[in-house]
Amino acid sequence: MSKTSVIGILAVVVVIICAFLPWAAIESRHLLFTGLNTTGSSYGEPGKLNIFLGVAAALIFLSKNKWVARMNLFVAGFLLAWTFRNMLLFSRCEAGICPQTGIALYVSVAAAAVAFVCVLFTRTRP
């Protein structure tokens, strides 16, 4: 297994762990949002898709097949886009109420970007 695959797997694990950590807090309403717990809002549970895409990307990083590795470009790209969407969604102000964003939200986006870059630089044998 190449170094980029190992780094990509570690980055995906960080994305999965960040789904369980606090992403945003609205102190005026006493709400704390994680990727899996967004009670009091209409955000849904975006952390579930983070976990699903992260597990899929990690399994594809372990694969040696050339075509399966090319599928990881889509999976990691979608993971990056989804985490970026989550960052925009959870950090925006609505009706004059601005949440305090947690560091896990930004770490998740950074780790997804690292995983995507690792997909770009992973070499597969023909």
N, C-alpha and C. Protein backbone atom coordinates (compact mmCIF):
# COMPACT_ATOMS: atom_id res chain seq x y z
N MET A 1 0.85 -1.18 0.00
CA MET A 1 0.00 0.00 0.00
C MET A 1 0.90 1.24 0.00
N SER A 2 0.53 2.21 -0.81
CA SER A 2 1.34 3.41 -0.94
C SER A 2 1.11 4.38 0.22
N LYS A 3 2.02 5.33 0.34
CA LYS A 3 1.90 6.33 1.40
C LYS A 3 0.64 7.17 1.24
N THR A 4 0.30 7.49 0.00
CA THR A 4 -0.89 8.32 -0.22
C THR A 4 -2.16 7.58 0.17
N SER A 5 -2.17 6.26 0.00
CA SER A 5 -3.34 5.48 0.43
C SER A 5 -3.47 5.50 1.95
N VAL A 6 -2.36 5.36 2.64
CA VAL A 6 -2.39 5.38 4.10
C VAL A 6 -2.83 6.75 4.61
N ILE A 7 -2.29 7.80 4.03
CA ILE A 7 -2.68 9.15 4.44
C ILE A 7 -4.14 9.39 4.11
N GLY A 8 -4.60 8.91 2.97
CA GLY A 8 -6.01 9.05 2.60
C GLY A 8 -6.93 8.33 3.56
N ILE A 9 -6.55 7.13 3.98
CA ILE A 9 -7.36 6.38 4.95
C ILE A 9 -7.40 7.12 6.28
N LEU A 10 -6.26 7.64 6.72
CA LEU A 10 -6.23 8.40 7.98
C LEU A 10 -7.09 9.66 7.88
N ALA A 11 -7.07 10.33 6.74
CA ALA A 11 -7.89 11.52 6.56
C ALA A 11 -9.37 11.17 6.60
N VAL A 12 -9.74 10.06 6.01
CA VAL A 12 -11.13 9.62 6.01
C VAL A 12 -11.57 9.26 7.44
N VAL A 13 -10.69 8.66 8.21
CA VAL A 13 -11.01 8.35 9.61
C VAL A 13 -11.25 9.64 10.39
N VAL A 14 -10.47 10.67 10.11
CA VAL A 14 -10.67 11.96 10.77
C VAL A 14 -12.04 12.54 10.40
N VAL A 15 -12.45 12.41 9.14
CA VAL A 15 -13.77 12.89 8.72
C VAL A 15 -14.86 12.15 9.49
N ILE A 16 -14.70 10.85 9.64
CA ILE A 16 -15.70 10.06 10.37
C ILE A 16 -15.75 10.46 11.84
N ILE A 17 -14.61 10.66 12.46
CA ILE A 17 -14.58 11.07 13.88
C ILE A 17 -15.21 12.44 14.05
N CYS A 18 -14.97 13.34 13.12
CA CYS A 18 -15.53 14.70 13.22
C CYS A 18 -17.04 14.71 13.10
N ALA A 19 -17.63 13.67 12.54
CA ALA A 19 -19.09 13.61 12.45
C ALA A 19 -19.74 13.49 13.84
N PHE A 20 -18.99 13.01 14.81
CA PHE A 20 -19.51 12.83 16.16
C PHE A 20 -19.20 14.01 17.08
N LEU A 21 -18.35 14.92 16.65
CA LEU A 21 -17.95 16.07 17.46
C LEU A 21 -18.85 17.26 17.18
N PRO A 22 -18.88 18.26 18.08
CA PRO A 22 -19.74 19.44 17.88
C PRO A 22 -19.32 20.26 16.67
N TRP A 23 -20.30 20.57 15.82
CA TRP A 23 -20.07 21.39 14.63
C TRP A 23 -20.47 22.84 14.85
N ALA A 24 -21.56 23.07 15.56
CA ALA A 24 -22.03 24.43 15.77
C ALA A 24 -22.87 24.48 17.04
N ALA A 25 -22.96 25.66 17.60
CA ALA A 25 -23.76 25.85 18.81
C ALA A 25 -24.48 27.19 18.71
N ILE A 26 -25.74 27.17 19.08
CA ILE A 26 -26.53 28.40 19.17
C ILE A 26 -26.87 28.56 20.65
N GLU A 27 -26.12 29.44 21.30
CA GLU A 27 -26.26 29.55 22.75
C GLU A 27 -27.55 30.22 23.18
N SER A 28 -28.12 31.07 22.35
CA SER A 28 -29.36 31.74 22.74
C SER A 28 -30.52 30.75 22.84
N ARG A 29 -30.45 29.68 22.09
CA ARG A 29 -31.48 28.64 22.15
C ARG A 29 -31.01 27.37 22.84
N HIS A 30 -29.79 27.36 23.33
CA HIS A 30 -29.19 26.21 24.01
C HIS A 30 -29.19 24.98 23.11
N LEU A 31 -28.71 25.14 21.87
CA LEU A 31 -28.64 24.05 20.91
C LEU A 31 -27.18 23.75 20.58
N LEU A 32 -26.86 22.47 20.51
CA LEU A 32 -25.53 22.02 20.12
C LEU A 32 -25.70 21.01 18.99
N PHE A 33 -25.10 21.31 17.84
CA PHE A 33 -25.26 20.47 16.66
C PHE A 33 -24.00 19.67 16.40
N THR A 34 -24.18 18.39 16.16
CA THR A 34 -23.11 17.54 15.64
C THR A 34 -23.56 17.04 14.27
N GLY A 35 -22.75 16.23 13.64
CA GLY A 35 -23.15 15.70 12.35
C GLY A 35 -24.30 14.72 12.43
N LEU A 36 -24.48 14.12 13.60
CA LEU A 36 -25.54 13.12 13.77
C LEU A 36 -26.67 13.59 14.66
N ASN A 37 -26.52 14.71 15.33
CA ASN A 37 -27.55 15.22 16.23
C ASN A 37 -27.82 16.69 15.90
N THR A 38 -28.91 16.90 15.18
CA THR A 38 -29.27 18.28 14.81
C THR A 38 -30.69 18.59 15.28
N THR A 39 -31.05 18.09 16.46
CA THR A 39 -32.38 18.35 16.97
C THR A 39 -32.56 19.85 17.20
N GLY A 40 -33.72 20.35 16.84
CA GLY A 40 -34.01 21.76 16.95
C GLY A 40 -33.75 22.52 15.67
N SER A 41 -33.40 21.82 14.61
CA SER A 41 -33.16 22.46 13.32
C SER A 41 -33.76 21.59 12.21
N SER A 42 -33.67 22.10 11.01
CA SER A 42 -34.15 21.33 9.86
C SER A 42 -32.98 20.89 8.98
N TYR A 43 -31.82 20.66 9.58
CA TYR A 43 -30.62 20.30 8.84
C TYR A 43 -30.56 18.83 8.46
N GLY A 44 -31.32 17.99 9.11
CA GLY A 44 -31.22 16.56 8.86
C GLY A 44 -30.03 15.99 9.61
N GLU A 45 -29.47 14.89 9.13
CA GLU A 45 -28.30 14.29 9.75
C GLU A 45 -27.21 14.11 8.69
N PRO A 46 -26.50 15.18 8.36
CA PRO A 46 -25.51 15.09 7.28
C PRO A 46 -24.30 14.24 7.64
N GLY A 47 -24.08 13.98 8.90
CA GLY A 47 -22.95 13.15 9.30
C GLY A 47 -23.07 11.71 8.86
N LYS A 48 -24.30 11.25 8.66
CA LYS A 48 -24.49 9.87 8.18
C LYS A 48 -23.89 9.69 6.79
N LEU A 49 -24.08 10.66 5.93
CA LEU A 49 -23.50 10.57 4.58
C LEU A 49 -21.98 10.72 4.65
N ASN A 50 -21.48 11.55 5.56
CA ASN A 50 -20.04 11.64 5.76
C ASN A 50 -19.46 10.28 6.13
N ILE A 51 -20.12 9.58 7.04
CA ILE A 51 -19.64 8.28 7.48
C ILE A 51 -19.71 7.27 6.34
N PHE A 52 -20.82 7.25 5.61
CA PHE A 52 -20.97 6.31 4.51
C PHE A 52 -19.91 6.54 3.43
N LEU A 53 -19.74 7.79 3.02
CA LEU A 53 -18.75 8.10 1.99
C LEU A 53 -17.33 7.85 2.49
N GLY A 54 -17.09 8.12 3.76
CA GLY A 54 -15.77 7.87 4.34
C GLY A 54 -15.42 6.39 4.36
N VAL A 55 -16.37 5.56 4.74
CA VAL A 55 -16.13 4.12 4.75
C VAL A 55 -15.91 3.61 3.32
N ALA A 56 -16.71 4.10 2.39
CA ALA A 56 -16.56 3.70 0.98
C ALA A 56 -15.18 4.11 0.45
N ALA A 57 -14.76 5.33 0.75
CA ALA A 57 -13.46 5.79 0.28
C ALA A 57 -12.32 4.99 0.91
N ALA A 58 -12.44 4.65 2.19
CA ALA A 58 -11.40 3.87 2.85
C ALA A 58 -11.29 2.47 2.24
N LEU A 59 -12.43 1.87 1.97
CA LEU A 59 -12.41 0.54 1.35
C LEU A 59 -11.83 0.60 -0.06
N ILE A 60 -12.11 1.65 -0.78
CA ILE A 60 -11.56 1.79 -2.13
C ILE A 60 -10.06 2.08 -2.08
N PHE A 61 -9.60 2.81 -1.06
CA PHE A 61 -8.16 3.02 -0.90
C PHE A 61 -7.44 1.69 -0.71
N LEU A 62 -8.08 0.73 -0.08
CA LEU A 62 -7.47 -0.57 0.16
C LEU A 62 -7.44 -1.44 -1.09
N SER A 63 -8.23 -1.10 -2.08
CA SER A 63 -8.32 -1.91 -3.30
C SER A 63 -7.13 -1.65 -4.21
N LYS A 64 -6.73 -2.70 -4.92
CA LYS A 64 -5.63 -2.57 -5.87
C LYS A 64 -6.12 -2.47 -7.32
N ASN A 65 -7.41 -2.64 -7.53
CA ASN A 65 -7.98 -2.62 -8.87
C ASN A 65 -7.95 -1.20 -9.44
N LYS A 66 -7.57 -1.09 -10.71
CA LYS A 66 -7.42 0.21 -11.35
C LYS A 66 -8.76 0.94 -11.49
N TRP A 67 -9.80 0.22 -11.91
CA TRP A 67 -11.10 0.85 -12.12
C TRP A 67 -11.79 1.21 -10.81
N VAL A 68 -11.58 0.40 -9.81
CA VAL A 68 -12.16 0.72 -8.50
C VAL A 68 -11.48 1.96 -7.93
N ALA A 69 -10.17 2.07 -8.16
CA ALA A 69 -9.45 3.25 -7.68
C ALA A 69 -9.93 4.51 -8.39
N ARG A 70 -10.34 4.38 -9.64
CA ARG A 70 -10.87 5.54 -10.35
C ARG A 70 -12.24 5.94 -9.80
N MET A 71 -12.98 4.98 -9.28
CA MET A 71 -14.26 5.31 -8.65
C MET A 71 -14.05 6.15 -7.40
N ASN A 72 -12.89 5.99 -6.78
CA ASN A 72 -12.59 6.75 -5.57
C ASN A 72 -12.48 8.25 -5.86
N LEU A 73 -12.17 8.59 -7.08
CA LEU A 73 -12.14 10.01 -7.45
C LEU A 73 -13.52 10.63 -7.27
N PHE A 74 -14.56 9.91 -7.69
CA PHE A 74 -15.92 10.40 -7.50
C PHE A 74 -16.30 10.40 -6.01
N VAL A 75 -16.00 9.32 -5.32
CA VAL A 75 -16.40 9.19 -3.91
C VAL A 75 -15.73 10.26 -3.05
N ALA A 76 -14.42 10.43 -3.22
CA ALA A 76 -13.70 11.44 -2.43
C ALA A 76 -14.10 12.85 -2.84
N GLY A 77 -14.37 13.06 -4.12
CA GLY A 77 -14.83 14.37 -4.57
C GLY A 77 -16.20 14.71 -3.99
N PHE A 78 -17.08 13.72 -3.97
CA PHE A 78 -18.40 13.94 -3.38
C PHE A 78 -18.29 14.16 -1.88
N LEU A 79 -17.38 13.44 -1.22
CA LEU A 79 -17.15 13.65 0.21
C LEU A 79 -16.66 15.07 0.48
N LEU A 80 -15.76 15.56 -0.35
CA LEU A 80 -15.26 16.93 -0.19
C LEU A 80 -16.38 17.94 -0.41
N ALA A 81 -17.16 17.74 -1.45
CA ALA A 81 -18.27 18.66 -1.74
C ALA A 81 -19.31 18.63 -0.62
N TRP A 82 -19.59 17.45 -0.09
CA TRP A 82 -20.60 17.33 0.98
C TRP A 82 -20.11 17.98 2.27
N THR A 83 -18.85 17.80 2.63
CA THR A 83 -18.34 18.44 3.84
C THR A 83 -18.28 19.95 3.69
N PHE A 84 -17.96 20.42 2.47
CA PHE A 84 -17.97 21.86 2.23
C PHE A 84 -19.39 22.41 2.35
N ARG A 85 -20.35 21.68 1.83
CA ARG A 85 -21.75 22.08 1.96
C ARG A 85 -22.16 22.13 3.42
N ASN A 86 -21.72 21.17 4.21
CA ASN A 86 -22.03 21.16 5.64
C ASN A 86 -21.42 22.37 6.33
N MET A 87 -20.20 22.73 5.94
CA MET A 87 -19.57 23.90 6.53
C MET A 87 -20.37 25.16 6.22
N LEU A 88 -20.81 25.30 4.97
CA LEU A 88 -21.62 26.46 4.62
C LEU A 88 -22.95 26.47 5.35
N LEU A 89 -23.57 25.32 5.49
CA LEU A 89 -24.88 25.21 6.12
C LEU A 89 -24.82 25.50 7.61
N PHE A 90 -23.84 24.94 8.29
CA PHE A 90 -23.79 25.08 9.75
C PHE A 90 -23.15 26.38 10.21
N SER A 91 -22.45 27.08 9.35
CA SER A 91 -21.79 28.31 9.79
C SER A 91 -22.52 29.57 9.35
N ARG A 92 -23.65 29.45 8.68
CA ARG A 92 -24.35 30.64 8.20
C ARG A 92 -25.27 31.23 9.27
N CYS A 93 -25.53 32.50 9.13
CA CYS A 93 -26.43 33.21 10.04
C CYS A 93 -27.84 33.19 9.45
N GLU A 94 -28.81 32.99 10.30
CA GLU A 94 -30.22 33.02 9.88
C GLU A 94 -31.00 33.90 10.84
N ALA A 95 -31.75 34.84 10.30
CA ALA A 95 -32.63 35.72 11.07
C ALA A 95 -31.88 36.41 12.20
N GLY A 96 -30.67 36.83 11.94
CA GLY A 96 -29.90 37.55 12.93
C GLY A 96 -29.26 36.68 14.00
N ILE A 97 -29.38 35.37 13.90
CA ILE A 97 -28.78 34.45 14.87
C ILE A 97 -27.61 33.75 14.19
N CYS A 98 -26.41 34.02 14.69
CA CYS A 98 -25.21 33.41 14.12
C CYS A 98 -24.68 32.34 15.07
N PRO A 99 -24.49 31.13 14.58
CA PRO A 99 -23.98 30.06 15.44
C PRO A 99 -22.48 30.21 15.67
N GLN A 100 -22.04 29.64 16.77
CA GLN A 100 -20.61 29.54 17.04
C GLN A 100 -20.15 28.20 16.47
N THR A 101 -19.34 28.26 15.44
CA THR A 101 -18.93 27.02 14.79
C THR A 101 -17.81 26.35 15.58
N GLY A 102 -17.87 25.03 15.58
CA GLY A 102 -16.85 24.24 16.24
C GLY A 102 -15.70 23.94 15.30
N ILE A 103 -14.57 23.61 15.88
CA ILE A 103 -13.38 23.34 15.08
C ILE A 103 -13.54 22.05 14.27
N ALA A 104 -14.37 21.13 14.72
CA ALA A 104 -14.56 19.86 14.02
C ALA A 104 -15.15 20.06 12.64
N LEU A 105 -15.93 21.09 12.46
CA LEU A 105 -16.51 21.39 11.15
C LEU A 105 -15.43 21.72 10.13
N TYR A 106 -14.46 22.51 10.54
CA TYR A 106 -13.38 22.90 9.64
C TYR A 106 -12.35 21.79 9.47
N VAL A 107 -12.11 21.02 10.52
CA VAL A 107 -11.20 19.88 10.43
C VAL A 107 -11.76 18.84 9.46
N SER A 108 -13.07 18.67 9.49
CA SER A 108 -13.72 17.73 8.58
C SER A 108 -13.50 18.12 7.12
N VAL A 109 -13.65 19.39 6.82
CA VAL A 109 -13.43 19.86 5.44
C VAL A 109 -11.96 19.70 5.05
N ALA A 110 -11.07 20.03 5.95
CA ALA A 110 -9.64 19.90 5.65
C ALA A 110 -9.26 18.44 5.42
N ALA A 111 -9.78 17.54 6.24
CA ALA A 111 -9.47 16.12 6.09
C ALA A 111 -10.06 15.57 4.79
N ALA A 112 -11.24 16.01 4.42
CA ALA A 112 -11.83 15.58 3.15
C ALA A 112 -11.00 16.09 1.97
N ALA A 113 -10.46 17.29 2.08
CA ALA A 113 -9.59 17.82 1.03
C ALA A 113 -8.30 17.01 0.93
N VAL A 114 -7.75 16.61 2.07
CA VAL A 114 -6.54 15.78 2.07
C VAL A 114 -6.83 14.43 1.43
N ALA A 115 -7.98 13.84 1.76
CA ALA A 115 -8.36 12.56 1.15
C ALA A 115 -8.50 12.69 -0.37
N PHE A 116 -9.08 13.78 -0.83
CA PHE A 116 -9.24 13.99 -2.26
C PHE A 116 -7.88 14.16 -2.95
N VAL A 117 -6.99 14.90 -2.33
CA VAL A 117 -5.65 15.07 -2.90
C VAL A 117 -4.91 13.73 -2.93
N CYS A 118 -5.11 12.92 -1.90
CA CYS A 118 -4.47 11.60 -1.88
C CYS A 118 -5.00 10.72 -3.00
N VAL A 119 -6.27 10.85 -3.33
CA VAL A 119 -6.83 10.10 -4.46
C VAL A 119 -6.16 10.55 -5.75
N LEU A 120 -5.93 11.83 -5.89
CA LEU A 120 -5.31 12.34 -7.11
C LEU A 120 -3.88 11.85 -7.28
N PHE A 121 -3.17 11.66 -6.18
CA PHE A 121 -1.76 11.27 -6.27
C PHE A 121 -1.50 9.78 -6.04
N THR A 122 -2.55 9.00 -5.84
CA THR A 122 -2.38 7.56 -5.67
C THR A 122 -2.13 6.93 -7.03
N ARG A 123 -1.07 6.15 -7.09
CA ARG A 123 -0.74 5.48 -8.35
C ARG A 123 -1.23 4.04 -8.29
N THR A 124 -1.81 3.60 -9.39
CA THR A 124 -2.26 2.22 -9.50
C THR A 124 -1.47 1.53 -10.60
N ARG A 125 -1.29 0.26 -10.44
CA ARG A 125 -0.58 -0.51 -11.46
C ARG A 125 -1.55 -0.87 -12.58
N PRO A 126 -1.07 -0.84 -13.81
CA PRO A 126 -1.96 -1.15 -14.94
C PRO A 126 -2.37 -2.60 -14.98
